[in-house]
């Protein structure tokens, strides 16, 4: 199978049926997360820098949807082989971060149901992150910027707990 991403190609739009299918996979097997080191990392100049990133991950034992996610949105695939005595199949995880995660969510959001609120918050986070000029942790954050980005991560955690309670 071809492993190129459609993200940078000048090809026609992605088939809405494919996007709807992938949104169902993300809804059922995926995870949308905003992760930060909360200022624990110290630069070479002795200053603390908080780094926040957006990740979208999908994990499952069927490799076909995972490969399709990578073909459409790029990203990486990791394989965890199960122990033979457990009788389980290998487990595949697809992951995208930052711009690729934003791209994937922006295309999937019309089709998402269970994770739509999480995706909307994640896209809002990317806009807030861009507004403060925080690119890949290279710029130090002010206390207020740190609080703002940490609030997005906390809100997303709350949304995840809320969905679990509904199930």
Foldseek 3Di string as FASTA:
>chain_A
DDQAEPPPDPDDDDDVVLLLVLLVQCQPFKDWAKDKPLQPDADPVRGTFIFIKIKMKGKDLDCVSLSVCCRHQNFDKDWDQDDVVVVDGIMIMGMDMDPSLLVSLVSNLVNHDLCNVLSVLVNVLNVLCVVVVCDRRPDGDDPVSSVVNVVSRVVSVVSVVVSVVVD
